[in-house]
Amino acid sequence: MDEKTRTELIELAQTLEEASAKLRQTIANLSAASNAVSAVKELTFSTLKFEFLQGAKLGEYEIAFKANNLEDKWRPAYNILRNSNATIKDRYHGEGYQFSYWLYGEDKIYRQKLKPKPQQ
């Protein structure tokens, strides 16, 4: 390999390293900003019609079925949970919420009463 090609490759590697560092910083900034976004009001979810259930693993929880709810109430709640990737292991809730919410299966929204935080 001639000296010119070697120098150009080294410069390219340095440029890629700098771009990679800038990209990592941008991703970190975006992650911090998205974590700072506050949750919507719980009213978005509490207007849905939920059915009470009891399970061996989950205990008491509730399910809202799309077929039992008005589309204009269902759609925003469902979209918020879908866009937040709300799952049973990573539930959606905000400050002052009574319940945590998640999606599982087709056209179902789950919720479970939040346990009170211990007083310090």
C-alpha atoms as a PDB file:
ATOM      1  CA  MET A   1       0.000   0.000   0.000  1.00  0.00           C
ATOM      2  CA  ASP A   2       1.427   3.375  -0.938  1.00  0.00           C
ATOM      3  CA  GLU A   3       1.832   6.210   1.585  1.00  0.00           C
ATOM      4  CA  LYS A   4      -0.957   8.373   0.102  1.00  0.00           C
ATOM      5  CA  THR A   5      -3.549   5.579   0.375  1.00  0.00           C
ATOM      6  CA  ARG A   6      -2.423   4.775   3.915  1.00  0.00           C
ATOM      7  CA  THR A   7      -2.765   8.430   4.965  1.00  0.00           C
ATOM      8  CA  GLU A   8      -6.214   8.699   3.380  1.00  0.00           C
ATOM      9  CA  LEU A   9      -7.385   5.553   5.192  1.00  0.00           C
ATOM     10  CA  ILE A  10      -6.141   6.896   8.531  1.00  0.00           C
ATOM     11  CA  GLU A  11      -7.949  10.210   7.912  1.00  0.00           C
ATOM     12  CA  LEU A  12     -11.124   8.324   6.976  1.00  0.00           C
ATOM     13  CA  ALA A  13     -10.911   6.243  10.164  1.00  0.00           C
ATOM     14  CA  GLN A  14     -10.503   9.408  12.256  1.00  0.00           C
ATOM     15  CA  THR A  15     -13.473  11.052  10.527  1.00  0.00           C
ATOM     16  CA  LEU A  16     -15.606   7.960  11.144  1.00  0.00           C
ATOM     17  CA  GLU A  17     -14.600   7.921  14.821  1.00  0.00           C
ATOM     18  CA  GLU A  18     -15.573  11.587  15.199  1.00  0.00           C
ATOM     19  CA  ALA A  19     -18.905  11.009  13.439  1.00  0.00           C
ATOM     20  CA  SER A  20     -19.551   7.979  15.635  1.00  0.00           C
ATOM     21  CA  ALA A  21     -18.919  10.012  18.798  1.00  0.00           C
ATOM     22  CA  LYS A  22     -21.288  12.760  17.587  1.00  0.00           C
ATOM     23  CA  LEU A  23     -23.949  10.161  16.765  1.00  0.00           C
ATOM     24  CA  ARG A  24     -23.636   8.578  20.227  1.00  0.00           C
ATOM     25  CA  GLN A  25     -24.051  12.009  21.829  1.00  0.00           C
ATOM     26  CA  THR A  26     -27.103  12.781  19.690  1.00  0.00           C
ATOM     27  CA  ILE A  27     -28.688   9.459  20.626  1.00  0.00           C
ATOM     28  CA  ALA A  28     -27.990  10.106  24.319  1.00  0.00           C
ATOM     29  CA  ASN A  29     -29.594  13.554  24.044  1.00  0.00           C
ATOM     30  CA  LEU A  30     -32.662  12.136  22.300  1.00  0.00           C
ATOM     31  CA  SER A  31     -33.001   9.386  24.919  1.00  0.00           C
ATOM     32  CA  ALA A  32     -32.827  11.923  27.734  1.00  0.00           C
ATOM     33  CA  ALA A  33     -35.433  14.099  26.023  1.00  0.00           C
ATOM     34  CA  SER A  34     -37.807  11.187  25.433  1.00  0.00           C
ATOM     35  CA  ASN A  35     -37.485  10.067  29.065  1.00  0.00           C
ATOM     36  CA  ALA A  36     -38.382  13.571  30.186  1.00  0.00           C
ATOM     37  CA  VAL A  37     -41.676  13.517  28.268  1.00  0.00           C
ATOM     38  CA  SER A  38     -44.498  13.353  30.760  1.00  0.00           C
ATOM     39  CA  ALA A  39     -47.332  10.867  30.563  1.00  0.00           C
ATOM     40  CA  VAL A  40     -50.774  11.852  29.328  1.00  0.00           C
ATOM     41  CA  LYS A  41     -53.566  12.280  31.850  1.00  0.00           C
ATOM     42  CA  GLU A  42     -54.937   9.007  33.170  1.00  0.00           C
ATOM     43  CA  LEU A  43     -58.397  10.120  32.027  1.00  0.00           C
ATOM     44  CA  THR A  44     -57.331   8.942  28.552  1.00  0.00           C
ATOM     45  CA  PHE A  45     -57.475   5.380  29.900  1.00  0.00           C
ATOM     46  CA  SER A  46     -60.031   5.599  32.704  1.00  0.00           C
ATOM     47  CA  THR A  47     -62.823   6.457  30.243  1.00  0.00           C
ATOM     48  CA  LEU A  48     -62.530   2.937  28.797  1.00  0.00           C
ATOM     49  CA  LYS A  49     -64.771   0.097  29.948  1.00  0.00           C
ATOM     50  CA  PHE A  50     -62.669  -2.451  31.814  1.00  0.00           C
ATOM     51  CA  GLU A  51     -63.621  -5.936  32.979  1.00  0.00           C
ATOM     52  CA  PHE A  52     -62.246  -7.195  36.291  1.00  0.00           C
ATOM     53  CA  LEU A  53     -60.246 -10.447  36.317  1.00  0.00           C
ATOM     54  CA  GLN A  54     -58.245 -12.436  38.849  1.00  0.00           C
ATOM     55  CA  GLY A  55     -55.251 -14.537  37.870  1.00  0.00           C
ATOM     56  CA  ALA A  56     -52.888 -16.850  39.702  1.00  0.00           C
ATOM     57  CA  LYS A  57     -49.751 -14.955  38.638  1.00  0.00           C
ATOM     58  CA  LEU A  58     -51.014 -11.392  38.227  1.00  0.00           C
ATOM     59  CA  GLY A  59     -53.585 -11.275  40.965  1.00  0.00           C
ATOM     60  CA  GLU A  60     -56.276  -8.655  40.313  1.00  0.00           C
ATOM     61  CA  TYR A  61     -56.190  -6.869  36.957  1.00  0.00           C
ATOM     62  CA  GLU A  62     -58.583  -5.524  34.334  1.00  0.00           C
ATOM     63  CA  ILE A  63     -58.931  -5.751  30.558  1.00  0.00           C
ATOM     64  CA  ALA A  64     -60.583  -3.345  28.143  1.00  0.00           C
ATOM     65  CA  PHE A  65     -61.639  -4.911  24.846  1.00  0.00           C
ATOM     66  CA  LYS A  66     -61.796  -2.813  21.690  1.00  0.00           C
ATOM     67  CA  ALA A  67     -65.238  -4.243  20.815  1.00  0.00           C
ATOM     68  CA  ASN A  68     -66.669  -2.985  24.132  1.00  0.00           C
ATOM     69  CA  ASN A  69     -65.398   0.599  23.774  1.00  0.00           C
ATOM     70  CA  LEU A  70     -66.080   3.595  21.574  1.00  0.00           C
ATOM     71  CA  GLU A  71     -63.505   3.990  18.809  1.00  0.00           C
ATOM     72  CA  ASP A  72     -62.808   7.659  19.671  1.00  0.00           C
ATOM     73  CA  LYS A  73     -61.928   6.627  23.250  1.00  0.00           C
ATOM     74  CA  TRP A  74     -60.102   3.427  22.344  1.00  0.00           C
ATOM     75  CA  ARG A  75     -57.820   4.676  19.570  1.00  0.00           C
ATOM     76  CA  PRO A  76     -55.893   7.392  21.506  1.00  0.00           C
ATOM     77  CA  ALA A  77     -55.353   5.113  24.518  1.00  0.00           C
ATOM     78  CA  TYR A  78     -54.215   2.209  22.339  1.00  0.00           C
ATOM     79  CA  ASN A  79     -51.874   4.414  20.271  1.00  0.00           C
ATOM     80  CA  ILE A  80     -50.222   5.878  23.371  1.00  0.00           C
ATOM     81  CA  LEU A  81     -49.497   2.416  24.728  1.00  0.00           C
ATOM     82  CA  ARG A  82     -48.337   1.078  21.364  1.00  0.00           C
ATOM     83  CA  ASN A  83     -46.040   4.063  20.743  1.00  0.00           C
ATOM     84  CA  SER A  84     -44.650   3.743  24.277  1.00  0.00           C
ATOM     85  CA  ASN A  85     -44.001   0.012  23.780  1.00  0.00           C
ATOM     86  CA  ALA A  86     -45.997  -0.684  26.942  1.00  0.00           C
ATOM     87  CA  THR A  87     -45.681  -4.339  27.920  1.00  0.00           C
ATOM     88  CA  ILE A  88     -46.346  -6.256  31.109  1.00  0.00           C
ATOM     89  CA  LYS A  89     -42.650  -5.861  31.982  1.00  0.00           C
ATOM     90  CA  ASP A  90     -42.505  -2.178  31.003  1.00  0.00           C
ATOM     91  CA  ARG A  91     -45.877  -0.716  31.902  1.00  0.00           C
ATOM     92  CA  TYR A  92     -47.129   2.757  31.120  1.00  0.00           C
ATOM     93  CA  HIS A  93     -48.024   5.113  33.960  1.00  0.00           C
ATOM     94  CA  GLY A  94     -47.388   8.654  35.043  1.00  0.00           C
ATOM     95  CA  GLU A  95     -47.171  10.698  38.198  1.00  0.00           C
ATOM     96  CA  GLY A  96     -50.383  10.398  40.168  1.00  0.00           C
ATOM     97  CA  TYR A  97     -51.736   7.419  38.198  1.00  0.00           C
ATOM     98  CA  GLN A  98     -53.881   4.873  40.040  1.00  0.00           C
ATOM     99  CA  PHE A  99     -53.150   2.109  37.497  1.00  0.00           C
ATOM    100  CA  SER A 100     -50.367   0.923  35.207  1.00  0.00           C
ATOM    101  CA  TYR A 101     -51.332   0.041  31.612  1.00  0.00           C
ATOM    102  CA  TRP A 102     -49.968  -2.301  28.945  1.00  0.00           C
ATOM    103  CA  LEU A 103     -50.837  -4.118  25.737  1.00  0.00           C
ATOM    104  CA  TYR A 104     -50.917  -7.847  25.207  1.00  0.00           C
ATOM    105  CA  GLY A 105     -52.647  -9.696  22.402  1.00  0.00           C
ATOM    106  CA  GLU A 106     -54.963  -8.191  19.820  1.00  0.00           C
ATOM    107  CA  ASP A 107     -57.335  -5.326  20.671  1.00  0.00           C
ATOM    108  CA  LYS A 108     -56.877  -5.514  24.444  1.00  0.00           C
ATOM    109  CA  ILE A 109     -55.614  -2.982  26.972  1.00  0.00           C
ATOM    110  CA  TYR A 110     -54.661  -4.274  30.400  1.00  0.00           C
ATOM    111  CA  ARG A 111     -54.407  -2.357  33.652  1.00  0.00           C
ATOM    112  CA  GLN A 112     -53.503  -3.130  37.225  1.00  0.00           C
ATOM    113  CA  LYS A 113     -53.727  -1.049  40.366  1.00  0.00           C
ATOM    114  CA  LEU A 114     -50.380   0.478  41.278  1.00  0.00           C
ATOM    115  CA  LYS A 115     -48.993  -0.465  44.643  1.00  0.00           C
ATOM    116  CA  PRO A 116     -48.445   2.559  46.894  1.00  0.00           C
ATOM    117  CA  LYS A 117     -44.851   3.673  47.280  1.00  0.00           C
ATOM    118  CA  PRO A 118     -43.513   3.208  50.801  1.00  0.00           C
ATOM    119  CA  GLN A 119     -43.218   6.384  52.870  1.00  0.00           C
ATOM    120  CA  GLN A 120     -39.665   7.455  53.632  1.00  0.00           C
END
